[in-house]
C-alpha cells in the first residue's frame, strides 16, 4: 500500500475549504486525480454517496468507483474507492483553522496486488498529483 500525505496552509476558513472540497461537481477544476466523469455527476456529498470518475494513471485509463465514507464538515472528508484490476484507493481531507486561513492535510492511498510491480513509479506519480491537487485547491480558494 502506498500512502502519501501533503499539508498546506490555504486562504479561507475551514468552512470555505470544506465548501470547495465537498463540491463534487467542482472537482474537475482542482482535483488532479480527476480526468472526467464515468456516470452521473453527484450533486451532493453525503455519507454513502457513490460515484464514478475517470483517471489516467501512469498512462493507463481507468475508472474509480468512490464512496463517501466520512463527512464531518468542515473538519474531514474521506472517500474510499475501487479501481481497475481490483485496486483500492482512498482520499482523506482534514481541515483545521490556522492563522490567516486553514491548514489542509491531504492523504492519498492506493493498494492492491495489481500495483505491486509499479509501486516505485506509482509513488512518485501520486506525490506529484497530491501537490497538484493542493495547488488547485489553493488557486480556487484564492479566486473566491
Protein backbone atom coordinates (compact mmCIF):
# COMPACT_ATOMS: atom_id res chain seq x y z
CA UNK A 1 0.00 0.00 0.00
CA UNK A 2 1.24 3.45 -0.92
CA UNK A 3 0.24 6.36 1.27
CA UNK A 4 1.16 9.97 0.56
CA UNK A 5 0.27 12.88 2.84
CA UNK A 6 0.73 16.53 1.99
CA UNK A 7 -0.20 19.51 4.14
CA UNK A 8 -0.55 23.14 3.20
CA UNK A 9 -1.84 26.41 4.61
CA UNK A 10 -4.50 27.86 2.33
CA UNK A 11 -6.62 31.02 2.39
CA UNK A 12 -10.15 30.84 3.72
CA UNK A 13 -11.88 29.47 6.77
CA UNK A 14 -12.35 25.75 7.28
CA UNK A 15 -15.94 26.24 6.09
CA UNK A 16 -14.65 27.86 2.86
CA UNK A 17 -12.26 24.97 2.28
CA UNK A 18 -14.92 22.35 3.04
CA UNK A 19 -17.31 24.03 0.60
CA UNK A 20 -14.79 23.53 -2.21
CA UNK A 21 -13.63 20.03 -1.23
CA UNK A 22 -17.15 18.64 -0.84
CA UNK A 23 -18.46 20.26 -4.03
CA UNK A 24 -18.04 17.15 -6.16
CA UNK A 25 -19.30 18.91 -9.29
CA UNK A 26 -16.36 21.32 -8.96
CA UNK A 27 -13.67 18.64 -8.75
CA UNK A 28 -12.60 18.99 -12.40
CA UNK A 29 -11.29 22.48 -11.66
CA UNK A 30 -8.79 21.48 -8.98
CA UNK A 31 -8.63 17.75 -8.13
CA UNK A 32 -5.60 16.42 -10.02
CA UNK A 33 -6.72 12.79 -9.90
CA UNK A 34 -9.94 13.59 -11.78
CA UNK A 35 -9.97 13.19 -15.57
CA UNK A 36 -13.71 13.14 -16.22
CA UNK A 37 -16.97 11.61 -15.07
CA UNK A 38 -17.89 8.00 -15.77
CA UNK A 39 -21.54 8.28 -14.85
CA UNK A 40 -23.93 10.73 -13.27
CA UNK A 41 -22.26 13.69 -11.60
CA UNK A 42 -23.09 13.69 -7.90
CA UNK A 43 -24.93 16.79 -6.76
CA UNK A 44 -24.28 16.39 -3.04
CA UNK A 45 -21.53 14.95 -0.90
CA UNK A 46 -23.02 12.96 1.95
CA UNK A 47 -22.07 9.74 3.67
CA UNK A 48 -22.91 6.75 1.46
CA UNK A 49 -22.96 8.64 -1.85
CA UNK A 50 -21.20 6.74 -4.64
CA UNK A 51 -19.96 7.97 -7.98
CA UNK A 52 -17.50 7.06 -10.72
CA UNK A 53 -14.84 9.16 -12.32
CA UNK A 54 -12.15 8.59 -14.89
CA UNK A 55 -8.47 8.52 -14.05
CA UNK A 56 -5.29 8.20 -16.04
CA UNK A 57 -2.53 6.56 -14.03
CA UNK A 58 0.92 6.07 -15.49
CA UNK A 59 -0.53 6.44 -18.98
CA UNK A 60 -3.35 3.93 -18.42
CA UNK A 61 -7.02 4.92 -18.43
CA UNK A 62 -9.38 3.58 -15.80
CA UNK A 63 -12.39 4.29 -13.66
CA UNK A 64 -12.68 4.57 -9.91
CA UNK A 65 -15.92 3.98 -8.05
CA UNK A 66 -15.85 6.20 -4.96
CA UNK A 67 -17.94 6.16 -1.83
CA UNK A 68 -18.12 8.97 0.71
CA UNK A 69 -17.34 7.12 3.95
CA UNK A 70 -16.87 10.06 6.32
CA UNK A 71 -18.16 13.60 6.22
CA UNK A 72 -17.59 15.85 9.21
CA UNK A 73 -17.85 19.36 7.76
CA UNK A 74 -15.66 21.32 7.94
CA UNK A 75 -13.03 19.10 9.56
CA UNK A 76 -12.91 15.92 7.49
CA UNK A 77 -13.94 14.41 4.15
CA UNK A 78 -12.98 10.79 3.39
CA UNK A 79 -13.63 8.68 0.30
CA UNK A 80 -12.77 5.06 -0.42
CA UNK A 81 -12.54 3.79 -3.98
CA UNK A 82 -12.29 0.67 -6.06
CA UNK A 83 -10.28 0.95 -9.24
CA UNK A 84 -9.07 -1.13 -12.17
CA UNK A 85 -7.65 -4.61 -11.60
CA UNK A 86 -9.06 -4.82 -8.06
CA UNK A 87 -7.03 -1.87 -6.84
CA UNK A 88 -8.28 0.16 -3.91
CA UNK A 89 -7.83 3.83 -3.20
CA UNK A 90 -8.59 6.44 -0.62
CA UNK A 91 -8.55 10.19 -0.26
CA UNK A 92 -8.75 11.95 3.07
CA UNK A 93 -9.01 15.71 3.52
CA UNK A 94 -8.52 17.11 7.03
CA UNK A 95 -9.06 20.82 7.58
CA UNK A 96 -8.04 22.79 10.66
CA UNK A 97 -8.06 26.52 11.35
CA UNK A 98 -4.72 28.31 11.20
CA UNK A 99 -3.59 31.90 11.42
CA UNK A 100 -4.59 33.54 8.17
CA UNK A 101 -6.79 30.72 6.94
CA UNK A 102 -6.79 26.94 7.20
CA UNK A 103 -4.40 24.03 7.07
CA UNK A 104 -5.38 21.23 4.73
CA UNK A 105 -3.85 17.79 5.12
CA UNK A 106 -4.47 15.61 2.07
CA UNK A 107 -3.75 11.88 2.20
CA UNK A 108 -3.97 9.66 -0.88
CA UNK A 109 -3.66 5.89 -0.66
CA UNK A 110 -3.57 3.16 -3.27
CA UNK A 111 -3.17 -0.57 -2.82
CA UNK A 112 -3.85 -3.97 -4.30
CA UNK A 113 -1.84 -6.75 -5.88
CA UNK A 114 -2.04 -5.18 -9.34
CA UNK A 115 0.07 -2.21 -8.28
CA UNK A 116 2.95 -4.19 -6.75
CA UNK A 117 5.03 -4.28 -9.97
CA UNK A 118 4.79 -0.50 -10.42
CA UNK A 119 4.84 0.70 -6.80
CA UNK A 120 8.04 2.71 -7.20
CA UNK A 121 6.83 4.64 -10.24
CA UNK A 122 3.34 4.97 -8.82
CA UNK A 123 4.53 6.54 -5.58
CA UNK A 124 6.25 9.37 -7.43
CA UNK A 125 3.22 9.84 -9.67
CA UNK A 126 0.88 10.13 -6.64
CA UNK A 127 3.23 12.56 -4.91
CA UNK A 128 3.06 14.89 -7.92
CA UNK A 129 -0.75 14.60 -8.11
CA UNK A 130 -1.11 15.30 -4.38
CA UNK A 131 0.93 18.50 -4.78
CA UNK A 132 -1.07 19.50 -7.87
CA UNK A 133 -4.33 18.85 -6.00
CA UNK A 134 -3.32 21.24 -3.22
CA UNK A 135 -2.10 23.76 -5.82
CA UNK A 136 -5.52 23.61 -7.49
CA UNK A 137 -7.39 23.88 -4.20
CA UNK A 138 -5.34 26.91 -3.20
CA UNK A 139 -5.97 28.52 -6.61
CA UNK A 140 -9.74 28.04 -6.28
CA UNK A 141 -9.73 29.47 -2.75
CA UNK A 142 -7.68 32.49 -3.86
CA UNK A 143 -10.28 33.22 -6.55
CA UNK A 144 -13.30 33.09 -4.21
